[in-house]
Amino acid sequence: MGLLRGVARTAVIAGTATAVSNRVSRRQAGRWAQQEQEQYDQQQQQYAPPPPAAAPPAAGMSMEDKVAHLKSLGELRSQGILTDEEFEQQKAAILAN
């Protein structure tokens, strides 16, 4: 009976160790995958083509045209295509006309 108990105890310990080891391995693999994805995203942002320049507003635009143009610029900014600085430059150009 003592031999059977010892074998059973060893099996439980080995099974627990294997389960813990597998969980640690999966967690570490997930972290590595997340880090690789973040690095890939950063590289894609660095090498992304520059955003298309917004067409300069035509002189004598109506107020409705200005508002529509500002809304489209705002959408481009919210999508990350235009930076805040680029948006402000375009906005100033539109409002100056």
N, C-alpha and C. Protein backbone atom coordinates (compact mmCIF):
# COMPACT_ATOMS: atom_id res chain seq x y z
N MET A 1 0.83 -1.18 0.00
CA MET A 1 0.00 0.00 0.00
C MET A 1 0.88 1.25 0.00
N GLY A 2 1.99 1.25 0.66
CA GLY A 2 2.87 2.40 0.71
C GLY A 2 3.47 2.72 -0.65
N LEU A 3 3.78 1.67 -1.42
CA LEU A 3 4.35 1.87 -2.75
C LEU A 3 3.34 2.52 -3.68
N LEU A 4 2.10 2.08 -3.61
CA LEU A 4 1.04 2.64 -4.45
C LEU A 4 0.79 4.11 -4.11
N ARG A 5 0.81 4.41 -2.82
CA ARG A 5 0.62 5.80 -2.38
C ARG A 5 1.76 6.68 -2.90
N GLY A 6 2.98 6.18 -2.83
CA GLY A 6 4.13 6.95 -3.30
C GLY A 6 4.08 7.19 -4.80
N VAL A 7 3.66 6.19 -5.54
CA VAL A 7 3.54 6.32 -7.00
C VAL A 7 2.43 7.32 -7.34
N ALA A 8 1.32 7.24 -6.65
CA ALA A 8 0.20 8.15 -6.89
C ALA A 8 0.60 9.59 -6.57
N ARG A 9 1.31 9.75 -5.47
CA ARG A 9 1.76 11.10 -5.08
C ARG A 9 2.71 11.68 -6.13
N THR A 10 3.63 10.87 -6.60
CA THR A 10 4.57 11.30 -7.64
C THR A 10 3.82 11.69 -8.91
N ALA A 11 2.81 10.92 -9.27
CA ALA A 11 2.02 11.22 -10.47
C ALA A 11 1.29 12.55 -10.32
N VAL A 12 0.73 12.81 -9.16
CA VAL A 12 0.02 14.07 -8.93
C VAL A 12 0.98 15.25 -9.01
N ILE A 13 2.13 15.13 -8.40
CA ILE A 13 3.13 16.20 -8.40
C ILE A 13 3.61 16.46 -9.83
N ALA A 14 3.89 15.39 -10.56
CA ALA A 14 4.36 15.54 -11.94
C ALA A 14 3.28 16.17 -12.82
N GLY A 15 2.05 15.76 -12.63
CA GLY A 15 0.93 16.33 -13.40
C GLY A 15 0.75 17.81 -13.11
N THR A 16 0.85 18.19 -11.84
CA THR A 16 0.72 19.59 -11.45
C THR A 16 1.85 20.41 -12.04
N ALA A 17 3.06 19.89 -11.97
CA ALA A 17 4.22 20.59 -12.52
C ALA A 17 4.07 20.79 -14.02
N THR A 18 3.58 19.79 -14.72
CA THR A 18 3.38 19.89 -16.16
C THR A 18 2.33 20.95 -16.48
N ALA A 19 1.23 20.95 -15.74
CA ALA A 19 0.17 21.92 -15.98
C ALA A 19 0.67 23.35 -15.75
N VAL A 20 1.41 23.57 -14.69
CA VAL A 20 1.95 24.89 -14.39
C VAL A 20 2.94 25.31 -15.46
N SER A 21 3.79 24.40 -15.86
CA SER A 21 4.79 24.69 -16.89
C SER A 21 4.12 25.07 -18.21
N ASN A 22 3.08 24.33 -18.58
CA ASN A 22 2.36 24.65 -19.82
C ASN A 22 1.68 26.01 -19.74
N ARG A 23 1.12 26.34 -18.61
CA ARG A 23 0.45 27.63 -18.46
C ARG A 23 1.46 28.77 -18.55
N VAL A 24 2.60 28.62 -17.92
CA VAL A 24 3.64 29.64 -17.98
C VAL A 24 4.12 29.81 -19.42
N SER A 25 4.29 28.71 -20.12
CA SER A 25 4.75 28.76 -21.52
C SER A 25 3.74 29.49 -22.40
N ARG A 26 2.46 29.19 -22.22
CA ARG A 26 1.42 29.86 -23.01
C ARG A 26 1.36 31.35 -22.70
N ARG A 27 1.47 31.71 -21.44
CA ARG A 27 1.44 33.11 -21.05
C ARG A 27 2.63 33.87 -21.66
N GLN A 28 3.81 33.28 -21.59
CA GLN A 28 5.00 33.93 -22.15
C GLN A 28 4.88 34.05 -23.66
N ALA A 29 4.37 33.03 -24.32
CA ALA A 29 4.19 33.09 -25.78
C ALA A 29 3.21 34.21 -26.14
N GLY A 30 2.17 34.38 -25.34
CA GLY A 30 1.21 35.46 -25.57
C GLY A 30 1.86 36.83 -25.42
N ARG A 31 2.72 36.97 -24.42
CA ARG A 31 3.42 38.25 -24.23
C ARG A 31 4.34 38.54 -25.39
N TRP A 32 5.06 37.53 -25.85
CA TRP A 32 5.97 37.72 -26.98
C TRP A 32 5.20 38.10 -28.23
N ALA A 33 4.08 37.44 -28.44
CA ALA A 33 3.26 37.75 -29.62
C ALA A 33 2.75 39.19 -29.55
N GLN A 34 2.35 39.63 -28.36
CA GLN A 34 1.86 41.00 -28.20
C GLN A 34 2.99 42.00 -28.46
N GLN A 35 4.19 41.72 -27.96
CA GLN A 35 5.32 42.62 -28.20
C GLN A 35 5.66 42.68 -29.69
N GLU A 36 5.63 41.55 -30.36
CA GLU A 36 5.92 41.53 -31.79
C GLU A 36 4.87 42.32 -32.56
N GLN A 37 3.61 42.21 -32.15
CA GLN A 37 2.55 42.95 -32.82
C GLN A 37 2.73 44.45 -32.62
N GLU A 38 3.10 44.86 -31.42
CA GLU A 38 3.33 46.28 -31.15
C GLU A 38 4.50 46.81 -31.99
N GLN A 39 5.57 46.02 -32.09
CA GLN A 39 6.71 46.43 -32.90
C GLN A 39 6.31 46.53 -34.37
N TYR A 40 5.52 45.59 -34.84
CA TYR A 40 5.06 45.61 -36.23
C TYR A 40 4.20 46.86 -36.48
N ASP A 41 3.30 47.15 -35.56
CA ASP A 41 2.45 48.33 -35.71
C ASP A 41 3.28 49.62 -35.75
N GLN A 42 4.30 49.70 -34.91
CA GLN A 42 5.16 50.88 -34.90
C GLN A 42 5.91 51.01 -36.21
N GLN A 43 6.39 49.92 -36.74
CA GLN A 43 7.10 49.96 -38.02
C GLN A 43 6.17 50.37 -39.14
N GLN A 44 4.94 49.90 -39.10
CA GLN A 44 3.98 50.27 -40.14
C GLN A 44 3.68 51.76 -40.09
N GLN A 45 3.62 52.33 -38.89
CA GLN A 45 3.36 53.76 -38.77
C GLN A 45 4.55 54.56 -39.27
N GLN A 46 5.76 54.07 -39.03
CA GLN A 46 6.95 54.78 -39.47
C GLN A 46 7.05 54.81 -40.98
N TYR A 47 6.69 53.71 -41.63
CA TYR A 47 6.85 53.60 -43.06
C TYR A 47 5.56 53.84 -43.83
N ALA A 48 4.55 54.31 -43.16
CA ALA A 48 3.28 54.59 -43.84
C ALA A 48 3.48 55.77 -44.79
N PRO A 49 2.81 55.73 -45.93
CA PRO A 49 2.96 56.86 -46.86
C PRO A 49 2.38 58.12 -46.23
N PRO A 50 2.93 59.27 -46.58
CA PRO A 50 2.42 60.51 -45.98
C PRO A 50 0.96 60.72 -46.38
N PRO A 51 0.20 61.35 -45.51
CA PRO A 51 -1.21 61.56 -45.83
C PRO A 51 -1.35 62.49 -47.03
N PRO A 52 -2.36 62.26 -47.82
CA PRO A 52 -2.56 63.14 -48.97
C PRO A 52 -2.87 64.55 -48.49
N ALA A 53 -2.29 65.50 -49.17
CA ALA A 53 -2.53 66.90 -48.80
C ALA A 53 -3.95 67.27 -49.19
N ALA A 54 -4.61 67.93 -48.30
CA ALA A 54 -5.97 68.36 -48.59
C ALA A 54 -5.91 69.46 -49.64
N ALA A 55 -6.89 69.43 -50.50
CA ALA A 55 -6.92 70.44 -51.56
C ALA A 55 -7.13 71.81 -50.93
N PRO A 56 -6.41 72.81 -51.39
CA PRO A 56 -6.61 74.14 -50.82
C PRO A 56 -8.01 74.63 -51.15
N PRO A 57 -8.61 75.29 -50.21
CA PRO A 57 -9.97 75.75 -50.45
C PRO A 57 -9.99 76.84 -51.53
N ALA A 58 -11.02 76.80 -52.31
CA ALA A 58 -11.17 77.80 -53.36
C ALA A 58 -11.58 79.13 -52.74
N ALA A 59 -11.10 80.19 -53.35
CA ALA A 59 -11.43 81.52 -52.84
C ALA A 59 -12.92 81.76 -52.99
N GLY A 60 -13.51 82.41 -52.03
CA GLY A 60 -14.93 82.76 -52.10
C GLY A 60 -15.85 81.60 -51.80
N MET A 61 -15.44 80.70 -50.95
CA MET A 61 -16.30 79.58 -50.58
C MET A 61 -17.44 80.09 -49.73
N SER A 62 -18.61 79.46 -49.89
CA SER A 62 -19.74 79.83 -49.05
C SER A 62 -19.50 79.25 -47.66
N MET A 63 -20.25 79.74 -46.69
CA MET A 63 -20.10 79.26 -45.31
C MET A 63 -20.44 77.78 -45.23
N GLU A 64 -21.43 77.32 -45.99
CA GLU A 64 -21.80 75.91 -45.99
C GLU A 64 -20.65 75.04 -46.52
N ASP A 65 -19.98 75.54 -47.57
CA ASP A 65 -18.84 74.81 -48.12
C ASP A 65 -17.71 74.73 -47.10
N LYS A 66 -17.48 75.83 -46.39
CA LYS A 66 -16.43 75.86 -45.38
C LYS A 66 -16.73 74.85 -44.27
N VAL A 67 -17.97 74.83 -43.82
CA VAL A 67 -18.37 73.91 -42.75
C VAL A 67 -18.20 72.46 -43.22
N ALA A 68 -18.61 72.17 -44.45
CA ALA A 68 -18.48 70.81 -44.98
C ALA A 68 -17.00 70.42 -45.07
N HIS A 69 -16.18 71.36 -45.54
CA HIS A 69 -14.75 71.08 -45.66
C HIS A 69 -14.13 70.85 -44.28
N LEU A 70 -14.52 71.66 -43.30
CA LEU A 70 -14.01 71.48 -41.94
C LEU A 70 -14.43 70.14 -41.35
N LYS A 71 -15.66 69.71 -41.64
CA LYS A 71 -16.13 68.42 -41.15
C LYS A 71 -15.31 67.28 -41.75
N SER A 72 -15.03 67.37 -43.05
CA SER A 72 -14.24 66.30 -43.67
C SER A 72 -12.82 66.29 -43.12
N LEU A 73 -12.26 67.47 -42.85
CA LEU A 73 -10.93 67.53 -42.24
C LEU A 73 -10.96 66.94 -40.82
N GLY A 74 -12.03 67.22 -40.10
CA GLY A 74 -12.17 66.66 -38.75
C GLY A 74 -12.23 65.15 -38.77
N GLU A 75 -12.91 64.60 -39.77
CA GLU A 75 -12.96 63.14 -39.90
C GLU A 75 -11.58 62.57 -40.19
N LEU A 76 -10.83 63.25 -41.07
CA LEU A 76 -9.47 62.79 -41.38
C LEU A 76 -8.59 62.83 -40.14
N ARG A 77 -8.78 63.86 -39.32
CA ARG A 77 -7.99 63.96 -38.09
C ARG A 77 -8.38 62.86 -37.11
N SER A 78 -9.68 62.58 -36.97
CA SER A 78 -10.11 61.55 -36.02
C SER A 78 -9.67 60.16 -36.47
N GLN A 79 -9.47 59.97 -37.78
CA GLN A 79 -8.98 58.68 -38.29
C GLN A 79 -7.47 58.57 -38.17
N GLY A 80 -6.81 59.67 -37.81
CA GLY A 80 -5.36 59.65 -37.66
C GLY A 80 -4.62 59.93 -38.95
N ILE A 81 -5.34 60.32 -39.99
CA ILE A 81 -4.70 60.62 -41.27
C ILE A 81 -4.02 61.98 -41.20
N LEU A 82 -4.67 62.95 -40.55
CA LEU A 82 -4.08 64.28 -40.36
C LEU A 82 -3.66 64.44 -38.91
N THR A 83 -2.54 65.09 -38.70
CA THR A 83 -2.13 65.41 -37.34
C THR A 83 -2.89 66.66 -36.89
N ASP A 84 -2.84 66.95 -35.61
CA ASP A 84 -3.51 68.15 -35.10
C ASP A 84 -2.93 69.40 -35.74
N GLU A 85 -1.64 69.40 -35.96
CA GLU A 85 -0.99 70.57 -36.55
C GLU A 85 -1.45 70.77 -38.00
N GLU A 86 -1.52 69.69 -38.76
CA GLU A 86 -1.99 69.79 -40.14
C GLU A 86 -3.44 70.24 -40.18
N PHE A 87 -4.24 69.73 -39.26
CA PHE A 87 -5.65 70.13 -39.20
C PHE A 87 -5.77 71.62 -38.93
N GLU A 88 -5.00 72.11 -37.97
CA GLU A 88 -5.07 73.53 -37.63
C GLU A 88 -4.63 74.41 -38.80
N GLN A 89 -3.62 73.97 -39.55
CA GLN A 89 -3.18 74.73 -40.72
C GLN A 89 -4.28 74.81 -41.77
N GLN A 90 -4.90 73.67 -42.04
CA GLN A 90 -5.97 73.65 -43.04
C GLN A 90 -7.17 74.46 -42.57
N LYS A 91 -7.48 74.34 -41.30
CA LYS A 91 -8.61 75.08 -40.74
C LYS A 91 -8.36 76.59 -40.87
N ALA A 92 -7.16 77.03 -40.56
CA ALA A 92 -6.84 78.45 -40.67
C ALA A 92 -6.96 78.93 -42.12
N ALA A 93 -6.50 78.08 -43.06
CA ALA A 93 -6.59 78.45 -44.46
C ALA A 93 -8.04 78.56 -44.92
N ILE A 94 -8.88 77.65 -44.46
CA ILE A 94 -10.28 77.69 -44.85
C ILE A 94 -10.98 78.92 -44.27
N LEU A 95 -10.73 79.19 -42.99
CA LEU A 95 -11.40 80.31 -42.35
C LEU A 95 -10.87 81.66 -42.81
N ALA A 96 -9.67 81.67 -43.38
CA ALA A 96 -9.09 82.93 -43.87
C ALA A 96 -9.78 83.39 -45.16
N ASN A 97 -10.39 82.47 -45.88
CA ASN A 97 -11.05 82.83 -47.15
C ASN A 97 -12.43 83.32 -46.92
